[in-house]
Amino acid sequence: MPENPSTSIPAVVEKIIKVPGAPEKAQLIVEAGDDLYRELRIENTLIDDKGEEVSLKPGAEVEVTIEAQGKDTTQRS
């Protein structure tokens, strides 16, 4: 079965945001994004290869992957 169409772009963790009563967030700078749309905030919880929860650190180089179902894409000409 073919994989879903996807692309990956580099990003860097700019800072960690802690707000009382809310999950910790990691603010990413997506290097390929337009100037006004480079920041992305995600919950700062990842799962490592042992199934343990881990968190990103400021300055970490990460990759953001965008994936879509084939039915939600069109052929480029």
C-alpha atoms as a PDB file:
ATOM      1  CA  MET A   1       0.000   0.000   0.000  1.00  0.00           C
ATOM      2  CA  PRO A   2       1.499   3.399  -0.951  1.00  0.00           C
ATOM      3  CA  GLU A   3       2.248   5.955   1.735  1.00  0.00           C
ATOM      4  CA  ASN A   4       0.171   9.109   2.080  1.00  0.00           C
ATOM      5  CA  PRO A   5       1.561  12.196   0.326  1.00  0.00           C
ATOM      6  CA  SER A   6       3.779  14.135   2.735  1.00  0.00           C
ATOM      7  CA  THR A   7       6.516  16.706   3.094  1.00  0.00           C
ATOM      8  CA  SER A   8       8.917  17.497   5.943  1.00  0.00           C
ATOM      9  CA  ILE A   9      10.400  20.895   6.758  1.00  0.00           C
ATOM     10  CA  PRO A  10      13.041  21.911   9.309  1.00  0.00           C
ATOM     11  CA  ALA A  11      12.183  23.899  12.418  1.00  0.00           C
ATOM     12  CA  VAL A  12      13.906  24.997  15.627  1.00  0.00           C
ATOM     13  CA  VAL A  13      12.450  25.122  19.145  1.00  0.00           C
ATOM     14  CA  GLU A  14      12.560  28.831  19.949  1.00  0.00           C
ATOM     15  CA  LYS A  15      11.215  28.672  23.510  1.00  0.00           C
ATOM     16  CA  ILE A  16       9.185  26.677  26.001  1.00  0.00           C
ATOM     17  CA  ILE A  17       5.992  28.323  27.267  1.00  0.00           C
ATOM     18  CA  LYS A  18       4.722  27.460  30.739  1.00  0.00           C
ATOM     19  CA  VAL A  19       1.286  28.716  31.799  1.00  0.00           C
ATOM     20  CA  PRO A  20      -0.170  27.656  35.168  1.00  0.00           C
ATOM     21  CA  GLY A  21      -3.052  25.239  34.720  1.00  0.00           C
ATOM     22  CA  ALA A  22      -2.280  24.586  31.032  1.00  0.00           C
ATOM     23  CA  PRO A  23      -0.053  22.054  29.272  1.00  0.00           C
ATOM     24  CA  GLU A  24       3.498  23.201  28.548  1.00  0.00           C
ATOM     25  CA  LYS A  25       3.958  24.368  24.939  1.00  0.00           C
ATOM     26  CA  ALA A  26       6.998  24.381  22.655  1.00  0.00           C
ATOM     27  CA  GLN A  27       7.174  27.303  20.232  1.00  0.00           C
ATOM     28  CA  LEU A  28       8.756  26.241  16.945  1.00  0.00           C
ATOM     29  CA  ILE A  29      10.154  28.466  14.231  1.00  0.00           C
ATOM     30  CA  VAL A  30       9.457  26.872  10.837  1.00  0.00           C
ATOM     31  CA  GLU A  31      12.353  28.070   8.729  1.00  0.00           C
ATOM     32  CA  ALA A  32      10.543  27.627   5.384  1.00  0.00           C
ATOM     33  CA  GLY A  33       7.461  29.569   6.505  1.00  0.00           C
ATOM     34  CA  ASP A  34       6.541  33.070   5.389  1.00  0.00           C
ATOM     35  CA  ASP A  35       7.641  35.791   7.822  1.00  0.00           C
ATOM     36  CA  LEU A  36       4.245  36.239   9.494  1.00  0.00           C
ATOM     37  CA  TYR A  37       3.551  32.492   9.664  1.00  0.00           C
ATOM     38  CA  ARG A  38       6.767  30.949  10.970  1.00  0.00           C
ATOM     39  CA  GLU A  39       5.717  30.282  14.562  1.00  0.00           C
ATOM     40  CA  LEU A  40       3.972  27.081  15.538  1.00  0.00           C
ATOM     41  CA  ARG A  41       3.032  26.097  19.101  1.00  0.00           C
ATOM     42  CA  ILE A  42       2.523  22.487  20.075  1.00  0.00           C
ATOM     43  CA  GLU A  43       2.040  20.648  23.348  1.00  0.00           C
ATOM     44  CA  ASN A  44       5.546  19.813  24.563  1.00  0.00           C
ATOM     45  CA  THR A  45       5.045  16.073  25.002  1.00  0.00           C
ATOM     46  CA  LEU A  46       6.654  13.506  22.724  1.00  0.00           C
ATOM     47  CA  ILE A  47       7.023   9.739  23.070  1.00  0.00           C
ATOM     48  CA  ASP A  48      10.501   8.218  22.709  1.00  0.00           C
ATOM     49  CA  ASP A  49      11.384   4.786  21.293  1.00  0.00           C
ATOM     50  CA  LYS A  50      10.907   3.214  24.761  1.00  0.00           C
ATOM     51  CA  GLY A  51       7.366   4.604  25.097  1.00  0.00           C
ATOM     52  CA  GLU A  52       8.467   7.208  27.674  1.00  0.00           C
ATOM     53  CA  GLU A  53       7.224  10.811  27.616  1.00  0.00           C
ATOM     54  CA  VAL A  54       9.933  13.370  26.823  1.00  0.00           C
ATOM     55  CA  SER A  55       9.987  17.138  26.210  1.00  0.00           C
ATOM     56  CA  LEU A  56      11.764  19.327  23.695  1.00  0.00           C
ATOM     57  CA  LYS A  57      14.491  21.751  24.780  1.00  0.00           C
ATOM     58  CA  PRO A  58      15.007  25.308  23.485  1.00  0.00           C
ATOM     59  CA  GLY A  59      17.337  25.300  20.491  1.00  0.00           C
ATOM     60  CA  ALA A  60      16.464  21.736  19.454  1.00  0.00           C
ATOM     61  CA  GLU A  61      16.436  21.170  15.707  1.00  0.00           C
ATOM     62  CA  VAL A  62      13.260  19.322  14.725  1.00  0.00           C
ATOM     63  CA  GLU A  63      11.391  18.298  11.599  1.00  0.00           C
ATOM     64  CA  VAL A  64       7.722  19.105  10.983  1.00  0.00           C
ATOM     65  CA  THR A  65       5.928  16.603   8.755  1.00  0.00           C
ATOM     66  CA  ILE A  66       2.703  17.384   6.918  1.00  0.00           C
ATOM     67  CA  GLU A  67       0.780  14.314   5.716  1.00  0.00           C
ATOM     68  CA  ALA A  68      -2.511  14.093   3.824  1.00  0.00           C
ATOM     69  CA  GLN A  69      -4.788  11.342   2.604  1.00  0.00           C
ATOM     70  CA  GLY A  70      -4.384  10.790  -1.131  1.00  0.00           C
ATOM     71  CA  LYS A  71      -8.073  11.626  -1.652  1.00  0.00           C
ATOM     72  CA  ASP A  72      -7.416  15.106  -0.217  1.00  0.00           C
ATOM     73  CA  THR A  73      -4.749  16.027  -2.770  1.00  0.00           C
ATOM     74  CA  THR A  74      -4.725  16.947  -6.466  1.00  0.00           C
ATOM     75  CA  GLN A  75      -2.176  16.194  -9.159  1.00  0.00           C
ATOM     76  CA  ARG A  76       0.117  19.143  -9.949  1.00  0.00           C
ATOM     77  CA  SER A  77       0.611  19.990 -13.588  1.00  0.00           C
END
